[in-house]
Structure formats: structure tokens, C-alpha cells
């Protein structure tokens, strides 16, 4: 079902926000607790706005940068190589993190 309008986009964004940043929930609880302790709705709104901007601005800038880079003709020739290199890097990073947890190769574990 296609999303229609700003409210539809907002409602679709809520589960994605929870899925993308489940670690943000404790920070939000602390911020809301501080705002409730101070008793200022303005301060609470300012905290939530600052948090939202801190989460959204870097993502927006990254999306703009990726969109801009996709339209550069010289990079189009090496796009497949960039994708493969990025994929291999992510896989190796994941294996390294698993090694740190399970200590498969002791010399690599910290």
C-alpha cells in the first residue's frame, strides 16, 4: 500500500526509527526524565528537537551526498568495484567483531 501524504510518511517512519535506532530509546527516556524533572515543556521540546536534528541532519546530508555521487559520470565506471569493495569491507568488519566476541583468532581479539 503506497504511503500518501505527510501523516502517512510520518506513520511509516515511526517503526523504521525504532528499528534503526533501538539504542536511542534509553537516551530518549533519560531526556524525557530530565525534562519532566525540570518541569518545563519548552525545555523538553528543545531537547527532543536537538536530538531529532542530531539524528536527521547527518542522515540527510549522507543521502544528499550519495545522490550527488551517483550522478557523477567518472565514478559510474568504477561503481561495481566500489560496491564490491564496500560489501567485502562490511563482511570483514562483521567477522572481526564476531572474533572479538567469540575469540576465534586470539591475536586479533582485543
PDB file of N, CA and C in Angstrom:
ATOM      1  N   UNK A   1       0.839  -1.175   0.000  1.00  0.00           N
ATOM      2  CA  UNK A   1       0.000   0.000   0.000  1.00  0.00           C
ATOM      3  C   UNK A   1       0.885   1.239   0.000  1.00  0.00           C
ATOM      4  N   UNK A   2       0.724   2.109  -0.951  1.00  0.00           N
ATOM      5  CA  UNK A   2       1.573   3.292  -1.014  1.00  0.00           C
ATOM      6  C   UNK A   2       1.250   4.284   0.099  1.00  0.00           C
ATOM      7  N   UNK A   3       2.288   4.977   0.529  1.00  0.00           N
ATOM      8  CA  UNK A   3       2.135   5.988   1.567  1.00  0.00           C
ATOM      9  C   UNK A   3       1.641   7.265   0.912  1.00  0.00           C
ATOM     10  N   UNK A   4       0.618   7.875   1.515  1.00  0.00           N
ATOM     11  CA  UNK A   4       0.061   9.100   0.953  1.00  0.00           C
ATOM     12  C   UNK A   4       0.107  10.206   1.992  1.00  0.00           C
ATOM     13  N   UNK A   5       0.681  11.320   1.624  1.00  0.00           N
ATOM     14  CA  UNK A   5       0.672  12.498   2.478  1.00  0.00           C
ATOM     15  C   UNK A   5       1.734  12.477   3.556  1.00  0.00           C
ATOM     16  N   UNK A   6       1.824  13.601   4.245  1.00  0.00           N
ATOM     17  CA  UNK A   6       2.828  13.771   5.284  1.00  0.00           C
ATOM     18  C   UNK A   6       2.555  12.868   6.489  1.00  0.00           C
ATOM     19  N   UNK A   7       1.291  12.703   6.864  1.00  0.00           N
ATOM     20  CA  UNK A   7       0.977  11.848   8.010  1.00  0.00           C
ATOM     21  C   UNK A   7       1.279  10.386   7.703  1.00  0.00           C
ATOM     22  N   UNK A   8       1.041   9.972   6.492  1.00  0.00           N
ATOM     23  CA  UNK A   8       1.371   8.604   6.111  1.00  0.00           C
ATOM     24  C   UNK A   8       2.870   8.357   6.174  1.00  0.00           C
ATOM     25  N   UNK A   9       3.633   9.333   5.713  1.00  0.00           N
ATOM     26  CA  UNK A   9       5.092   9.217   5.788  1.00  0.00           C
ATOM     27  C   UNK A   9       5.553   9.189   7.239  1.00  0.00           C
ATOM     28  N   UNK A  10       4.931  10.012   8.069  1.00  0.00           N
ATOM     29  CA  UNK A  10       5.284  10.040   9.490  1.00  0.00           C
ATOM     30  C   UNK A  10       4.990   8.683  10.136  1.00  0.00           C
ATOM     31  N   UNK A  11       3.789   8.150   9.884  1.00  0.00           N
ATOM     32  CA  UNK A  11       3.419   6.872  10.477  1.00  0.00           C
ATOM     33  C   UNK A  11       4.294   5.728   9.972  1.00  0.00           C
ATOM     34  N   UNK A  12       4.732   5.800   8.732  1.00  0.00           N
ATOM     35  CA  UNK A  12       5.648   4.797   8.205  1.00  0.00           C
ATOM     36  C   UNK A  12       7.039   4.966   8.810  1.00  0.00           C
ATOM     37  N   UNK A  13       7.424   6.194   9.116  1.00  0.00           N
ATOM     38  CA  UNK A  13       8.745   6.454   9.676  1.00  0.00           C
ATOM     39  C   UNK A  13       8.901   6.008  11.110  1.00  0.00           C
ATOM     40  N   UNK A  14       7.807   5.935  11.874  1.00  0.00           N
ATOM     41  CA  UNK A  14       7.894   5.554  13.290  1.00  0.00           C
ATOM     42  C   UNK A  14       8.495   4.159  13.468  1.00  0.00           C
ATOM     43  N   UNK A  15       7.972   3.117  12.808  1.00  0.00           N
ATOM     44  CA  UNK A  15       8.601   1.808  13.019  1.00  0.00           C
ATOM     45  C   UNK A  15      10.030   1.742  12.481  1.00  0.00           C
ATOM     46  N   UNK A  16      10.313   2.478  11.405  1.00  0.00           N
ATOM     47  CA  UNK A  16      11.680   2.483  10.892  1.00  0.00           C
ATOM     48  C   UNK A  16      12.625   3.160  11.877  1.00  0.00           C
ATOM     49  N   UNK A  17      12.176   4.213  12.525  1.00  0.00           N
ATOM     50  CA  UNK A  17      13.015   4.899  13.504  1.00  0.00           C
ATOM     51  C   UNK A  17      13.330   3.983  14.678  1.00  0.00           C
ATOM     52  N   UNK A  18      12.342   3.221  15.120  1.00  0.00           N
ATOM     53  CA  UNK A  18      12.567   2.294  16.227  1.00  0.00           C
ATOM     54  C   UNK A  18      13.510   1.178  15.787  1.00  0.00           C
ATOM     55  N   UNK A  19      13.349   0.692  14.565  1.00  0.00           N
ATOM     56  CA  UNK A  19      14.190  -0.398  14.085  1.00  0.00           C
ATOM     57  C   UNK A  19      15.620   0.062  13.832  1.00  0.00           C
ATOM     58  N   UNK A  20      15.785   1.269  13.334  1.00  0.00           N
ATOM     59  CA  UNK A  20      17.115   1.758  13.003  1.00  0.00           C
ATOM     60  C   UNK A  20      17.889   2.148  14.251  1.00  0.00           C
ATOM     61  N   UNK A  21      17.216   2.690  15.237  1.00  0.00           N
ATOM     62  CA  UNK A  21      17.932   3.174  16.418  1.00  0.00           C
ATOM     63  C   UNK A  21      17.301   2.642  17.705  1.00  0.00           C
ATOM     64  N   UNK A  22      17.354   1.334  17.931  1.00  0.00           N
ATOM     65  CA  UNK A  22      16.801   0.836  19.198  1.00  0.00           C
ATOM     66  C   UNK A  22      17.638   1.271  20.395  1.00  0.00           C
ATOM     67  N   UNK A  23      18.890   1.628  20.151  1.00  0.00           N
ATOM     68  CA  UNK A  23      19.765   2.071  21.230  1.00  0.00           C
ATOM     69  C   UNK A  23      19.420   3.497  21.665  1.00  0.00           C
ATOM     70  N   UNK A  24      18.668   4.219  20.846  1.00  0.00           N
ATOM     71  CA  UNK A  24      18.307   5.598  21.176  1.00  0.00           C
ATOM     72  C   UNK A  24      17.259   5.675  22.275  1.00  0.00           C
ATOM     73  N   UNK A  25      16.516   4.596  22.489  1.00  0.00           N
ATOM     74  CA  UNK A  25      15.431   4.625  23.466  1.00  0.00           C
ATOM     75  C   UNK A  25      15.921   4.989  24.867  1.00  0.00           C
ATOM     76  N   UNK A  26      17.010   4.418  25.374  1.00  0.00           N
ATOM     77  CA  UNK A  26      17.465   4.841  26.706  1.00  0.00           C
ATOM     78  C   UNK A  26      17.822   6.330  26.759  1.00  0.00           C
ATOM     79  N   UNK A  27      18.421   6.848  25.707  1.00  0.00           N
ATOM     80  CA  UNK A  27      18.750   8.275  25.689  1.00  0.00           C
ATOM     81  C   UNK A  27      17.483   9.116  25.713  1.00  0.00           C
ATOM     82  N   UNK A  28      16.478   8.685  24.972  1.00  0.00           N
ATOM     83  CA  UNK A  28      15.210   9.411  24.964  1.00  0.00           C
ATOM     84  C   UNK A  28      14.538   9.364  26.328  1.00  0.00           C
ATOM     85  N   UNK A  29      14.589   8.216  26.989  1.00  0.00           N
ATOM     86  CA  UNK A  29      13.983   8.097  28.315  1.00  0.00           C
ATOM     87  C   UNK A  29      14.678   9.028  29.296  1.00  0.00           C
ATOM     88  N   UNK A  30      16.002   9.084  29.232  1.00  0.00           N
ATOM     89  CA  UNK A  30      16.746   9.984  30.121  1.00  0.00           C
ATOM     90  C   UNK A  30      16.395  11.437  29.815  1.00  0.00           C
ATOM     91  N   UNK A  31      16.340  11.794  28.525  1.00  0.00           N
ATOM     92  CA  UNK A  31      15.997  13.179  28.174  1.00  0.00           C
ATOM     93  C   UNK A  31      14.602  13.544  28.658  1.00  0.00           C
ATOM     94  N   UNK A  32      13.650  12.650  28.465  1.00  0.00           N
ATOM     95  CA  UNK A  32      12.294  12.931  28.921  1.00  0.00           C
ATOM     96  C   UNK A  32      12.226  12.999  30.446  1.00  0.00           C
ATOM     97  N   UNK A  33      13.006  12.173  31.119  1.00  0.00           N
ATOM     98  CA  UNK A  33      13.067  12.233  32.585  1.00  0.00           C
ATOM     99  C   UNK A  33      13.637  13.547  33.075  1.00  0.00           C
ATOM    100  N   UNK A  34      14.681  14.020  32.422  1.00  0.00           N
ATOM    101  CA  UNK A  34      15.266  15.314  32.786  1.00  0.00           C
ATOM    102  C   UNK A  34      14.264  16.430  32.544  1.00  0.00           C
ATOM    103  N   UNK A  35      13.607  16.390  31.392  1.00  0.00           N
ATOM    104  CA  UNK A  35      12.623  17.424  31.069  1.00  0.00           C
ATOM    105  C   UNK A  35      11.469  17.395  32.069  1.00  0.00           C
ATOM    106  N   UNK A  36      11.020  16.194  32.440  1.00  0.00           N
ATOM    107  CA  UNK A  36       9.927  16.092  33.419  1.00  0.00           C
ATOM    108  C   UNK A  36      10.386  16.568  34.788  1.00  0.00           C
ATOM    109  N   UNK A  37      11.633  16.261  35.142  1.00  0.00           N
ATOM    110  CA  UNK A  37      12.167  16.708  36.435  1.00  0.00           C
ATOM    111  C   UNK A  37      12.272  18.219  36.525  1.00  0.00           C
ATOM    112  N   UNK A  38      12.639  18.846  35.421  1.00  0.00           N
ATOM    113  CA  UNK A  38      12.737  20.305  35.405  1.00  0.00           C
ATOM    114  C   UNK A  38      11.346  20.920  35.339  1.00  0.00           C
ATOM    115  N   UNK A  39      10.418  20.229  34.695  1.00  0.00           N
ATOM    116  CA  UNK A  39       9.043  20.699  34.636  1.00  0.00           C
ATOM    117  C   UNK A  39       8.789  21.757  33.579  1.00  0.00           C
ATOM    118  N   UNK A  40       9.637  21.806  32.571  1.00  0.00           N
ATOM    119  CA  UNK A  40       9.474  22.814  31.521  1.00  0.00           C
ATOM    120  C   UNK A  40       9.156  22.130  30.197  1.00  0.00           C
ATOM    121  N   UNK A  41       7.931  22.317  29.694  1.00  0.00           N
ATOM    122  CA  UNK A  41       7.612  21.743  28.383  1.00  0.00           C
ATOM    123  C   UNK A  41       8.494  22.317  27.269  1.00  0.00           C
ATOM    124  N   UNK A  42       8.851  23.590  27.383  1.00  0.00           N
ATOM    125  CA  UNK A  42       9.719  24.206  26.382  1.00  0.00           C
ATOM    126  C   UNK A  42      11.091  23.534  26.371  1.00  0.00           C
ATOM    127  N   UNK A  43      11.637  23.290  27.565  1.00  0.00           N
ATOM    128  CA  UNK A  43      12.942  22.634  27.657  1.00  0.00           C
ATOM    129  C   UNK A  43      12.874  21.219  27.086  1.00  0.00           C
ATOM    130  N   UNK A  44      11.788  20.485  27.384  1.00  0.00           N
ATOM    131  CA  UNK A  44      11.612  19.138  26.843  1.00  0.00           C
ATOM    132  C   UNK A  44      11.522  19.157  25.332  1.00  0.00           C
ATOM    133  N   UNK A  45      10.764  20.120  24.796  1.00  0.00           N
ATOM    134  CA  UNK A  45      10.646  20.227  23.342  1.00  0.00           C
ATOM    135  C   UNK A  45      11.991  20.581  22.720  1.00  0.00           C
ATOM    136  N   UNK A  46      12.756  21.453  23.377  1.00  0.00           N
ATOM    137  CA  UNK A  46      14.074  21.837  22.857  1.00  0.00           C
ATOM    138  C   UNK A  46      15.021  20.637  22.867  1.00  0.00           C
ATOM    139  N   UNK A  47      14.972  19.816  23.925  1.00  0.00           N
ATOM    140  CA  UNK A  47      15.807  18.616  23.974  1.00  0.00           C
ATOM    141  C   UNK A  47      15.451  17.648  22.852  1.00  0.00           C
ATOM    142  N   UNK A  48      14.167  17.411  22.666  1.00  0.00           N
ATOM    143  CA  UNK A  48      13.743  16.485  21.621  1.00  0.00           C
ATOM    144  C   UNK A  48      14.063  17.022  20.226  1.00  0.00           C
ATOM    145  N   UNK A  49      13.927  18.336  20.040  1.00  0.00           N
ATOM    146  CA  UNK A  49      14.276  18.934  18.754  1.00  0.00           C
ATOM    147  C   UNK A  49      15.773  18.784  18.485  1.00  0.00           C
ATOM    148  N   UNK A  50      16.596  19.041  19.495  1.00  0.00           N
ATOM    149  CA  UNK A  50      18.042  18.902  19.320  1.00  0.00           C
ATOM    150  C   UNK A  50      18.412  17.452  19.007  1.00  0.00           C
ATOM    151  N   UNK A  51      17.768  16.510  19.685  1.00  0.00           N
ATOM    152  CA  UNK A  51      18.028  15.090  19.426  1.00  0.00           C
ATOM    153  C   UNK A  51      17.612  14.719  18.012  1.00  0.00           C
ATOM    154  N   UNK A  52      16.435  15.181  17.602  1.00  0.00           N
ATOM    155  CA  UNK A  52      15.938  14.871  16.259  1.00  0.00           C
ATOM    156  C   UNK A  52      16.849  15.450  15.184  1.00  0.00           C
ATOM    157  N   UNK A  53      17.283  16.680  15.388  1.00  0.00           N
ATOM    158  CA  UNK A  53      18.188  17.296  14.407  1.00  0.00           C
ATOM    159  C   UNK A  53      19.531  16.575  14.380  1.00  0.00           C
ATOM    160  N   UNK A  54      20.006  16.178  15.541  1.00  0.00           N
ATOM    161  CA  UNK A  54      21.273  15.451  15.607  1.00  0.00           C
ATOM    162  C   UNK A  54      21.206  14.098  14.914  1.00  0.00           C
ATOM    163  N   UNK A  55      20.029  13.494  14.887  1.00  0.00           N
ATOM    164  CA  UNK A  55      19.859  12.221  14.187  1.00  0.00           C
ATOM    165  C   UNK A  55      19.569  12.422  12.705  1.00  0.00           C
ATOM    166  N   UNK A  56      18.781  13.448  12.361  1.00  0.00           N
ATOM    167  CA  UNK A  56      18.292  13.592  10.992  1.00  0.00           C
ATOM    168  C   UNK A  56      19.265  14.324  10.071  1.00  0.00           C
ATOM    169  N   UNK A  57      19.939  15.342  10.568  1.00  0.00           N
ATOM    170  CA  UNK A  57      20.807  16.137   9.694  1.00  0.00           C
ATOM    171  C   UNK A  57      21.937  15.298   9.091  1.00  0.00           C
ATOM    172  N   UNK A  58      22.677  14.503   9.877  1.00  0.00           N
ATOM    173  CA  UNK A  58      23.722  13.686   9.242  1.00  0.00           C
ATOM    174  C   UNK A  58      23.163  12.675   8.236  1.00  0.00           C
ATOM    175  N   UNK A  59      22.006  12.081   8.543  1.00  0.00           N
ATOM    176  CA  UNK A  59      21.406  11.142   7.593  1.00  0.00           C
ATOM    177  C   UNK A  59      20.994  11.853   6.308  1.00  0.00           C
ATOM    178  N   UNK A  60      20.411  13.046   6.449  1.00  0.00           N
ATOM    179  CA  UNK A  60      20.016  13.818   5.268  1.00  0.00           C
ATOM    180  C   UNK A  60      21.218  14.223   4.433  1.00  0.00           C
ATOM    181  N   UNK A  61      22.282  14.667   5.096  1.00  0.00           N
ATOM    182  CA  UNK A  61      23.495  15.044   4.363  1.00  0.00           C
ATOM    183  C   UNK A  61      24.113  13.834   3.664  1.00  0.00           C
ATOM    184  N   UNK A  62      24.092  12.701   4.336  1.00  0.00           N
ATOM    185  CA  UNK A  62      24.609  11.476   3.707  1.00  0.00           C
ATOM    186  C   UNK A  62      23.787  11.080   2.496  1.00  0.00           C
ATOM    187  N   UNK A  63      22.462  11.188   2.600  1.00  0.00           N
ATOM    188  CA  UNK A  63      21.601  10.851   1.465  1.00  0.00           C
ATOM    189  C   UNK A  63      21.843  11.807   0.298  1.00  0.00           C
ATOM    190  N   UNK A  64      21.987  13.092   0.600  1.00  0.00           N
ATOM    191  CA  UNK A  64      22.284  14.056  -0.462  1.00  0.00           C
ATOM    192  C   UNK A  64      23.629  13.759  -1.120  1.00  0.00           C
ATOM    193  N   UNK A  65      24.624  13.422  -0.313  1.00  0.00           N
ATOM    194  CA  UNK A  65      25.951  13.129  -0.858  1.00  0.00           C
ATOM    195  C   UNK A  65      25.908  11.892  -1.742  1.00  0.00           C
ATOM    196  N   UNK A  66      25.186  10.865  -1.312  1.00  0.00           N
ATOM    197  CA  UNK A  66      25.097   9.645  -2.122  1.00  0.00           C
ATOM    198  C   UNK A  66      24.366   9.928  -3.426  1.00  0.00           C
ATOM    199  N   UNK A  67      23.287  10.699  -3.354  1.00  0.00           N
ATOM    200  CA  UNK A  67      22.563  11.063  -4.575  1.00  0.00           C
ATOM    201  C   UNK A  67      23.440  11.853  -5.532  1.00  0.00           C
ATOM    202  N   UNK A  68      24.251  12.757  -4.988  1.00  0.00           N
ATOM    203  CA  UNK A  68      25.153  13.554  -5.819  1.00  0.00           C
ATOM    204  C   UNK A  68      26.232  12.664  -6.438  1.00  0.00           C
ATOM    205  N   UNK A  69      26.782  11.753  -5.643  1.00  0.00           N
ATOM    206  CA  UNK A  69      27.848  10.885  -6.149  1.00  0.00           C
ATOM    207  C   UNK A  69      27.351   9.918  -7.225  1.00  0.00           C
ATOM    208  N   UNK A  70      26.091   9.499  -7.119  1.00  0.00           N
ATOM    209  CA  UNK A  70      25.562   8.573  -8.115  1.00  0.00           C
ATOM    210  C   UNK A  70      25.440   9.210  -9.494  1.00  0.00           C
ATOM    211  N   UNK A  71      25.394  10.515  -9.554  1.00  0.00           N
ATOM    212  CA  UNK A  71      25.237  11.191 -10.839  1.00  0.00           C
ATOM    213  C   UNK A  71      26.561  11.658 -11.437  1.00  0.00           C
ATOM    214  N   UNK A  72      27.673  11.382 -10.775  1.00  0.00           N
ATOM    215  CA  UNK A  72      28.980  11.738 -11.322  1.00  0.00           C
ATOM    216  C   UNK A  72      29.383  10.679 -12.352  1.00  0.00           C
ATOM    217  N   UNK A  73      29.580  11.108 -13.567  1.00  0.00           N
ATOM    218  CA  UNK A  73      29.901  10.154 -14.651  1.00  0.00           C
ATOM    219  C   UNK A  73      31.232   9.424 -14.445  1.00  0.00           C
ATOM    220  N   UNK A  74      32.298  10.099 -14.020  1.00  0.00           N
ATOM    221  CA  UNK A  74      33.568   9.361 -13.871  1.00  0.00           C
ATOM    222  C   UNK A  74      33.485   8.227 -12.846  1.00  0.00           C
ATOM    223  N   UNK A  75      32.642   8.372 -11.821  1.00  0.00           N
ATOM    224  CA  UNK A  75      32.534   7.320 -10.820  1.00  0.00           C
ATOM    225  C   UNK A  75      31.672   6.159 -11.300  1.00  0.00           C
ATOM    226  N   UNK A  76      30.876   6.383 -12.343  1.00  0.00           N
ATOM    227  CA  UNK A  76      29.996   5.339 -12.857  1.00  0.00           C
ATOM    228  C   UNK A  76      30.762   4.135 -13.362  1.00  0.00           C
ATOM    229  N   UNK A  77      31.955   4.356 -13.894  1.00  0.00           N
ATOM    230  CA  UNK A  77      32.758   3.256 -14.423  1.00  0.00           C
ATOM    231  C   UNK A  77      33.211   2.313 -13.306  1.00  0.00           C
ATOM    232  N   UNK A  78      33.529   2.876 -12.158  1.00  0.00           N
ATOM    233  CA  UNK A  78      34.025   2.055 -11.059  1.00  0.00           C
ATOM    234  C   UNK A  78      32.978   1.734 -10.015  1.00  0.00           C
ATOM    235  N   UNK A  79      31.694   1.972 -10.309  1.00  0.00           N
ATOM    236  CA  UNK A  79      30.650   1.773  -9.314  1.00  0.00           C
ATOM    237  C   UNK A  79      30.584   0.330  -8.832  1.00  0.00           C
ATOM    238  N   UNK A  80      30.681  -0.611  -9.738  1.00  0.00           N
ATOM    239  CA  UNK A  80      30.618  -2.023  -9.352  1.00  0.00           C
ATOM    240  C   UNK A  80      31.778  -2.381  -8.426  1.00  0.00           C
ATOM    241  N   UNK A  81      32.975  -1.868  -8.728  1.00  0.00           N
ATOM    242  CA  UNK A  81      34.138  -2.132  -7.874  1.00  0.00           C
ATOM    243  C   UNK A  81      33.950  -1.513  -6.496  1.00  0.00           C
ATOM    244  N   UNK A  82      33.372  -0.298  -6.441  1.00  0.00           N
ATOM    245  CA  UNK A  82      33.104   0.349  -5.150  1.00  0.00           C
ATOM    246  C   UNK A  82      32.112  -0.479  -4.337  1.00  0.00           C
ATOM    247  N   UNK A  83      31.078  -0.996  -4.996  1.00  0.00           N
ATOM    248  CA  UNK A  83      30.069  -1.791  -4.300  1.00  0.00           C
ATOM    249  C   UNK A  83      30.668  -3.078  -3.754  1.00  0.00           C
ATOM    250  N   UNK A  84      31.484  -3.745  -4.557  1.00  0.00           N
ATOM    251  CA  UNK A  84      32.119  -4.990  -4.110  1.00  0.00           C
ATOM    252  C   UNK A  84      33.078  -4.713  -2.961  1.00  0.00           C
ATOM    253  N   UNK A  85      33.878  -3.657  -3.089  1.00  0.00           N
ATOM    254  CA  UNK A  85      34.823  -3.304  -2.028  1.00  0.00           C
ATOM    255  C   UNK A  85      34.090  -2.958  -0.744  1.00  0.00           C
ATOM    256  N   UNK A  86      33.016  -2.198  -0.845  1.00  0.00           N
ATOM    257  CA  UNK A  86      32.226  -1.855   0.338  1.00  0.00           C
ATOM    258  C   UNK A  86      31.606  -3.085   0.983  1.00  0.00           C
ATOM    259  N   UNK A  87      31.081  -4.004   0.159  1.00  0.00           N
ATOM    260  CA  UNK A  87      30.488  -5.227   0.689  1.00  0.00           C
ATOM    261  C   UNK A  87      31.512  -6.095   1.399  1.00  0.00           C
ATOM    262  N   UNK A  88      32.674  -6.252   0.782  1.00  0.00           N
ATOM    263  CA  UNK A  88      33.735  -7.059   1.398  1.00  0.00           C
ATOM    264  C   UNK A  88      34.197  -6.413   2.704  1.00  0.00           C
ATOM    265  N   UNK A  89      34.304  -5.089   2.707  1.00  0.00           N
ATOM    266  CA  UNK A  89      34.704  -4.374   3.926  1.00  0.00           C
ATOM    267  C   UNK A  89      33.686  -4.593   5.041  1.00  0.00           C
ATOM    268  N   UNK A  90      32.394  -4.526   4.735  1.00  0.00           N
ATOM    269  CA  UNK A  90      31.367  -4.771   5.747  1.00  0.00           C
ATOM    270  C   UNK A  90      31.428  -6.202   6.276  1.00  0.00           C
ATOM    271  N   UNK A  91      31.626  -7.159   5.384  1.00  0.00           N
ATOM    272  CA  UNK A  91      31.713  -8.553   5.817  1.00  0.00           C
ATOM    273  C   UNK A  91      32.928  -8.764   6.712  1.00  0.00           C
ATOM    274  N   UNK A  92      34.073  -8.220   6.310  1.00  0.00           N
ATOM    275  CA  UNK A  92      35.283  -8.368   7.131  1.00  0.00           C
ATOM    276  C   UNK A  92      35.133  -7.670   8.479  1.00  0.00           C
ATOM    277  N   UNK A  93      34.472  -6.520   8.501  1.00  0.00           N
ATOM    278  CA  UNK A  93      34.230  -5.827   9.774  1.00  0.00           C
ATOM    279  C   UNK A  93      33.341  -6.674  10.682  1.00  0.00           C
ATOM    280  N   UNK A  94      32.305  -7.275  10.109  1.00  0.00           N
ATOM    281  CA  UNK A  94      31.430  -8.144  10.895  1.00  0.00           C
ATOM    282  C   UNK A  94      32.170  -9.354  11.437  1.00  0.00           C
ATOM    283  N   UNK A  95      33.021  -9.960  10.613  1.00  0.00           N
ATOM    284  CA  UNK A  95      33.807 -11.103  11.078  1.00  0.00           C
ATOM    285  C   UNK A  95      34.774 -10.702  12.179  1.00  0.00           C
ATOM    286  N   UNK A  96      35.361  -9.518  12.046  1.00  0.00           N
ATOM    287  CA  UNK A  96      36.263  -9.026  13.098  1.00  0.00           C
ATOM    288  C   UNK A  96      35.509  -8.851  14.414  1.00  0.00           C
ATOM    289  N   UNK A  97      34.314  -8.254  14.349  1.00  0.00           N
ATOM    290  CA  UNK A  97      33.535  -8.054  15.565  1.00  0.00           C
ATOM    291  C   UNK A  97      33.092  -9.386  16.177  1.00  0.00           C
ATOM    292  N   UNK A  98      32.744 -10.355  15.332  1.00  0.00           N
ATOM    293  CA  UNK A  98      32.419 -11.680  15.850  1.00  0.00           C
ATOM    294  C   UNK A  98      33.648 -12.316  16.511  1.00  0.00           C
ATOM    295  N   UNK A  99      34.809 -12.103  15.927  1.00  0.00           N
ATOM    296  CA  UNK A  99      36.042 -12.634  16.506  1.00  0.00           C
ATOM    297  C   UNK A  99      36.318 -12.014  17.872  1.00  0.00           C
ATOM    298  N   UNK A 100      36.046 -10.731  18.021  1.00  0.00           N
ATOM    299  CA  UNK A 100      36.263 -10.076  19.311  1.00  0.00           C
ATOM    300  C   UNK A 100      35.353 -10.701  20.363  1.00  0.00           C
ATOM    301  N   UNK A 101      34.140 -11.074  19.969  1.00  0.00           N
ATOM    302  CA  UNK A 101      33.190 -11.655  20.913  1.00  0.00           C
ATOM    303  C   UNK A 101      33.488 -13.128  21.200  1.00  0.00           C
ATOM    304  N   UNK A 102      33.743 -13.905  20.150  1.00  0.00           N
ATOM    305  CA  UNK A 102      33.930 -15.343  20.315  1.00  0.00           C
ATOM    306  C   UNK A 102      35.397 -15.765  20.420  1.00  0.00           C
ATOM    307  N   UNK A 103      36.342 -14.882  20.151  1.00  0.00           N
ATOM    308  CA  UNK A 103      37.786 -15.135  20.208  1.00  0.00           C
ATOM    309  C   UNK A 103      38.154 -16.397  19.431  1.00  0.00           C
ATOM    310  N   UNK A 104      37.914 -16.327  18.136  1.00  0.00           N
ATOM    311  CA  UNK A 104      38.284 -17.428  17.247  1.00  0.00           C
ATOM    312  C   UNK A 104      39.773 -17.330  16.915  1.00  0.00           C
ATOM    313  N   UNK A 105      40.243 -16.123  16.621  1.00  0.00           N
ATOM    314  CA  UNK A 105      41.659 -15.875  16.368  1.00  0.00           C
ATOM    315  C   UNK A 105      42.145 -14.977  17.494  1.00  0.00           C
ATOM    316  N   UNK A 106      42.811 -15.540  18.514  1.00  0.00           N
ATOM    317  CA  UNK A 106      43.187 -14.762  19.690  1.00  0.00           C
ATOM    318  C   UNK A 106      44.070 -13.550  19.402  1.00  0.00           C
ATOM    319  N   UNK A 107      44.903 -13.615  18.384  1.00  0.00           N
ATOM    320  CA  UNK A 107      45.799 -12.486  18.115  1.00  0.00           C
ATOM    321  C   UNK A 107      45.040 -11.259  17.608  1.00  0.00           C
ATOM    322  N   UNK A 108      43.823 -11.457  17.090  1.00  0.00           N
ATOM    323  CA  UNK A 108      43.027 -10.325  16.619  1.00  0.00           C
ATOM    324  C   UNK A 108      42.078  -9.781  17.675  1.00  0.00           C
ATOM    325  N   UNK A 109      41.793 -10.566  18.713  1.00  0.00           N
ATOM    326  CA  UNK A 109      40.857 -10.132  19.749  1.00  0.00           C
ATOM    327  C   UNK A 109      41.544  -9.114  20.658  1.00  0.00           C
ATOM    328  N   UNK A 110      40.771  -8.130  21.076  1.00  0.00           N
ATOM    329  CA  UNK A 110      41.342  -7.104  21.958  1.00  0.00           C
ATOM    330  C   UNK A 110      41.176  -7.435  23.396  1.00  0.00           C
TER     331      UNK A 110
END
